[in-house]
Protein backbone atom coordinates (compact mmCIF):
# COMPACT_ATOMS: atom_id res chain seq x y z
CA MET A 1 -70.12 -131.95 116.53
CA ARG A 2 -73.13 -133.41 118.29
CA MET A 3 -75.32 -132.67 115.29
CA ARG A 4 -72.84 -134.31 112.86
CA ILE A 5 -72.45 -137.42 115.03
CA GLY A 6 -76.20 -137.68 115.35
CA CYS A 7 -76.63 -137.57 111.56
CA LEU A 8 -73.90 -140.17 111.07
CA LEU A 9 -75.53 -142.56 113.53
CA ALA A 10 -78.88 -142.12 111.78
CA ILE A 11 -77.33 -142.98 108.40
CA LEU A 12 -75.48 -146.04 109.77
CA ALA A 13 -78.57 -147.35 111.55
CA PHE A 14 -80.67 -146.95 108.44
CA GLY A 15 -78.03 -148.62 106.23
CA MET A 16 -77.81 -151.64 108.54
CA GLY A 17 -81.56 -152.02 108.44
CA CYS A 18 -81.61 -151.92 104.64
CA ASN A 19 -78.88 -154.53 104.23
CA GLN A 20 -80.62 -157.13 106.35
CA PRO A 21 -82.11 -159.89 104.15
CA ASN A 22 -85.87 -160.10 104.02
CA MET A 23 -86.47 -163.72 105.02
CA GLU A 24 -90.18 -163.55 104.15
CA THR A 25 -89.42 -163.14 100.45
CA THR A 26 -87.33 -166.35 100.04
CA ASP A 27 -88.88 -169.43 98.30
CA GLU A 28 -90.55 -171.50 100.97
CA THR A 29 -93.06 -173.34 98.69
CA PRO A 30 -92.21 -177.11 98.61
CA PRO A 31 -92.69 -179.02 95.36
CA SER A 32 -96.22 -180.28 94.80
CA SER A 33 -96.88 -183.85 96.00
CA SER A 34 -98.75 -184.56 92.75
CA THR A 35 -95.50 -184.38 90.76
CA THR A 36 -94.60 -187.91 89.48
CA ALA A 37 -91.17 -189.45 89.52
CA ALA A 38 -91.11 -189.32 85.71
CA ALA A 39 -91.33 -185.58 85.90
CA THR A 40 -88.10 -185.32 87.84
CA THR A 41 -86.17 -185.09 84.57
CA THR A 42 -88.19 -182.09 83.50
CA ALA A 43 -87.74 -180.54 86.94
CA SER A 44 -84.00 -180.19 86.39
CA THR A 45 -84.74 -176.55 85.69
CA PRO A 46 -87.55 -175.88 88.10
CA THR A 47 -89.69 -172.83 87.56
CA ALA A 48 -89.02 -171.78 91.14
CA SER A 49 -85.27 -171.45 90.45
CA THR A 50 -85.83 -167.76 89.64
CA PRO A 51 -88.30 -166.61 92.25
CA THR A 52 -90.21 -163.45 91.55
CA ALA A 53 -89.11 -162.07 94.90
CA SER A 54 -85.39 -162.30 94.07
CA THR A 55 -85.25 -158.47 94.01
CA PRO A 56 -87.23 -157.44 97.06
CA THR A 57 -88.96 -154.08 96.83
CA ALA A 58 -87.57 -153.15 100.23
CA SER A 59 -84.03 -152.92 98.81
CA THR A 60 -84.70 -149.30 97.82
CA PRO A 61 -86.68 -147.90 100.73
CA THR A 62 -88.60 -144.68 100.28
CA ALA A 63 -86.91 -143.22 103.35
CA SER A 64 -83.41 -143.38 101.82
CA THR A 65 -82.84 -139.72 102.74
CA PRO A 66 -83.95 -139.34 106.36
CA THR A 67 -84.82 -135.82 107.40
CA ALA A 68 -82.29 -136.00 110.22
CA THR A 69 -79.38 -136.03 107.75
CA THR A 70 -80.04 -132.41 106.78
CA PRO A 71 -80.24 -130.37 109.98
CA THR A 72 -82.25 -127.19 109.89
CA ALA A 73 -80.37 -123.91 109.77
CA THR A 74 -79.63 -122.34 113.11
CA THR A 75 -80.93 -118.90 113.95
CA PRO A 76 -78.18 -116.28 113.35
CA ALA A 77 -76.84 -114.38 116.31
CA ALA A 78 -78.51 -111.09 117.10
CA ALA A 79 -77.00 -108.13 115.32
CA GLU A 80 -74.70 -105.92 117.33
CA SER A 81 -76.51 -102.85 118.68
CA ASP A 82 -75.48 -99.29 117.83
CA LEU A 83 -74.55 -98.76 121.48
CA GLU A 84 -71.97 -101.53 121.13
CA LYS A 85 -70.78 -100.31 117.74
CA ILE A 86 -70.26 -96.72 118.89
CA GLN A 87 -67.84 -97.53 121.71
CA GLY A 88 -64.26 -96.27 121.47
CA VAL A 89 -62.22 -93.09 121.01
CA TRP A 90 -63.21 -90.77 118.18
CA LYS A 91 -61.24 -87.93 116.57
CA ILE A 92 -63.24 -84.93 115.40
CA GLU A 93 -62.30 -84.54 111.73
CA SER A 94 -64.53 -81.71 110.60
CA VAL A 95 -67.13 -79.32 111.97
CA GLY A 96 -69.78 -77.40 110.09
CA MET A 97 -71.40 -74.65 112.13
CA GLU A 98 -73.06 -71.71 110.41
CA GLY A 99 -71.82 -68.33 111.67
CA ALA A 100 -69.23 -69.78 114.06
CA PRO A 101 -65.79 -68.09 114.10
CA GLN A 102 -63.00 -70.15 112.58
CA GLU A 103 -61.10 -70.17 115.86
CA VAL A 104 -64.06 -71.83 117.54
CA ILE A 105 -64.25 -74.45 114.79
CA ASP A 106 -60.49 -75.05 115.05
CA GLN A 107 -60.81 -75.51 118.80
CA ILE A 108 -63.61 -78.04 118.40
CA GLU A 109 -61.74 -79.92 115.68
CA SER A 110 -58.73 -80.28 117.96
CA GLY A 111 -60.84 -82.23 120.44
CA MET A 112 -61.64 -85.91 120.81
CA MET A 113 -64.53 -87.93 122.15
CA ARG A 114 -64.59 -91.16 124.12
CA MET A 115 -67.68 -93.36 124.16
CA SER A 116 -67.63 -95.65 127.18
CA GLY A 117 -70.84 -97.42 128.04
CA ALA A 118 -73.52 -94.72 128.04
CA LYS A 119 -71.07 -91.89 128.78
CA ILE A 120 -69.39 -89.41 126.45
CA THR A 121 -66.17 -87.70 127.51
CA TRP A 122 -65.07 -84.75 125.40
CA PHE A 123 -61.37 -84.10 125.87
CA ALA A 124 -58.27 -82.53 124.35
CA VAL A 125 -54.66 -83.62 124.52
CA VAL A 126 -52.50 -80.79 125.87
CA ASN A 127 -48.74 -81.33 126.19
CA GLY A 128 -49.30 -85.06 125.94
CA LYS A 129 -51.88 -85.08 128.73
CA GLU A 130 -55.60 -85.62 128.47
CA GLN A 131 -57.68 -82.63 129.54
CA VAL A 132 -61.37 -83.37 130.09
CA LEU A 133 -63.63 -80.67 128.68
CA GLN A 134 -67.07 -82.10 129.31
CA GLU A 135 -68.79 -85.30 130.36
CA SER A 136 -72.25 -86.27 129.24
CA SER A 137 -74.52 -89.27 129.44
CA PHE A 138 -76.36 -90.26 126.29
CA THR A 139 -79.07 -92.49 124.90
CA LEU A 140 -79.54 -93.78 121.36
CA ASP A 141 -82.67 -94.58 119.42
CA SER A 142 -81.68 -96.58 116.35
CA ARG A 143 -85.31 -97.22 115.41
CA SER A 144 -86.10 -93.60 114.60
CA SER A 145 -85.45 -92.10 111.17
CA PRO A 146 -82.99 -90.50 111.17
CA LYS A 147 -81.42 -92.24 114.16
CA SER A 148 -81.44 -90.04 117.25
CA ILE A 149 -79.06 -89.34 120.11
CA THR A 150 -79.89 -87.42 123.29
CA MET A 151 -77.09 -86.08 125.48
CA THR A 152 -77.28 -84.77 129.04
CA GLU A 153 -74.37 -82.86 130.53
CA ASN A 154 -72.94 -84.23 133.78
CA LYS A 155 -70.97 -82.61 136.61
CA LEU A 156 -72.73 -79.26 136.62
CA PRO A 157 -72.22 -76.79 139.48
CA ALA A 158 -74.77 -77.05 142.26
CA GLY A 159 -78.08 -75.51 141.32
CA GLU A 160 -77.36 -75.46 137.60
CA LYS A 161 -79.33 -77.37 135.05
CA ALA A 162 -78.52 -77.94 131.43
CA PRO A 163 -81.12 -78.88 128.85
CA ASP A 164 -80.85 -82.15 127.01
CA VAL A 165 -79.17 -81.94 123.63
CA PRO A 166 -81.40 -83.71 121.07
CA GLY A 167 -79.42 -84.69 118.00
CA ILE A 168 -79.28 -87.19 115.19
CA TYR A 169 -76.48 -89.53 114.18
CA GLU A 170 -75.28 -91.78 111.40
CA LEU A 171 -72.86 -94.61 112.12
CA GLU A 172 -71.00 -96.43 109.36
CA GLY A 173 -68.04 -98.52 110.45
CA ASP A 174 -65.39 -96.18 111.87
CA GLN A 175 -67.15 -93.00 110.77
CA LEU A 176 -69.69 -91.19 112.92
CA LYS A 177 -71.76 -88.18 111.88
CA LEU A 178 -73.52 -85.99 114.43
CA CYS A 179 -75.95 -83.15 113.90
CA LEU A 180 -76.79 -81.13 117.02
CA PRO A 181 -78.95 -78.05 117.56
CA THR A 182 -77.29 -74.85 118.68
CA ALA A 183 -77.97 -73.39 122.11
CA ASP A 184 -79.45 -70.00 122.85
CA VAL A 185 -78.30 -68.17 125.97
CA LYS A 186 -81.39 -66.42 127.32
CA SER A 187 -79.67 -64.80 130.27
CA GLY A 188 -76.36 -64.76 132.08
CA ASP A 189 -72.90 -65.43 130.69
CA LEU A 190 -71.53 -68.83 129.76
CA ASP A 191 -68.05 -67.67 130.79
CA ASP A 192 -69.31 -66.66 134.23
CA PRO A 193 -70.88 -69.57 136.13
CA ALA A 194 -71.86 -67.20 138.94
CA SER A 195 -74.31 -65.52 136.57
CA LYS A 196 -76.21 -68.80 136.30
CA PRO A 197 -76.77 -68.61 132.57
CA GLU A 198 -80.12 -69.80 131.28
CA ILE A 199 -79.84 -71.85 128.12
CA SER A 200 -82.50 -73.02 125.73
CA MET A 201 -81.83 -75.75 123.23
CA GLY A 202 -83.21 -76.00 119.73
CA GLU A 203 -85.35 -78.86 118.51
CA ARG A 204 -83.98 -82.12 117.26
CA PRO A 205 -82.92 -81.69 113.62
CA LYS A 206 -84.74 -83.73 111.00
CA THR A 207 -81.89 -83.76 108.47
CA PHE A 208 -78.12 -83.35 108.56
CA MET A 209 -78.44 -80.13 106.56
CA ALA A 210 -80.87 -78.50 108.98
CA LYS A 211 -80.41 -74.76 109.37
CA GLY A 212 -79.09 -73.50 112.70
CA CYS A 213 -77.45 -76.80 113.63
CA GLY A 214 -73.88 -77.97 113.99
CA ASN A 215 -72.52 -80.95 112.09
CA MET A 216 -69.56 -83.10 113.10
CA VAL A 217 -67.74 -85.88 111.32
CA LEU A 218 -65.68 -88.13 113.59
CA ARG A 219 -63.29 -90.97 112.86
CA ARG A 220 -62.67 -93.82 115.30
CA VAL A 221 -59.01 -94.04 116.29
CA LYS A 222 -59.29 -96.66 119.02
CA SER A 223 -61.87 -99.33 119.80
């Protein structure tokens, strides 16, 4: 509103200035003293009755459209970041994992994922209750091509370390695609924490069809 009021005041002020009469252009030249009394009859229609300045040039000023009447466009707000866009609860709709048993795929597809801040919580709903399966922190790089995501598992037993999971992602509205490398267990048993399994992680995939990687398609169910 301040911008509109400012423009209105500028227009009004300019209009008032234009409507003021220009006193310097009126006829101030008295009749010549050399004019005789006999000439008064011929002066009934004096030549000065239609002064050349009757239409002053200032009546149509060159500044009729002041620049202030058209405000410059404001800078648009910064676009929402991918970190803000990715927040919410996501349902795993489909999983593509070469060589994985169907029961493993079914188990993964029954899970859900919550993005809260920079934390991912993988969970399942069992008998109406939420059961947390894994918690990870993550970072996004939306400037890379393809866009990249790096996840780090949290809440590991003392002395255990898990490698970062370097993946790629594609975010379009309420659909999220993830492509993650598969892990290789060098030693130990994943089902036996006491064995302290050693895990190596594959490289970050360059495409969503990369061999030896797992693909997920998720749908947002809650913001």
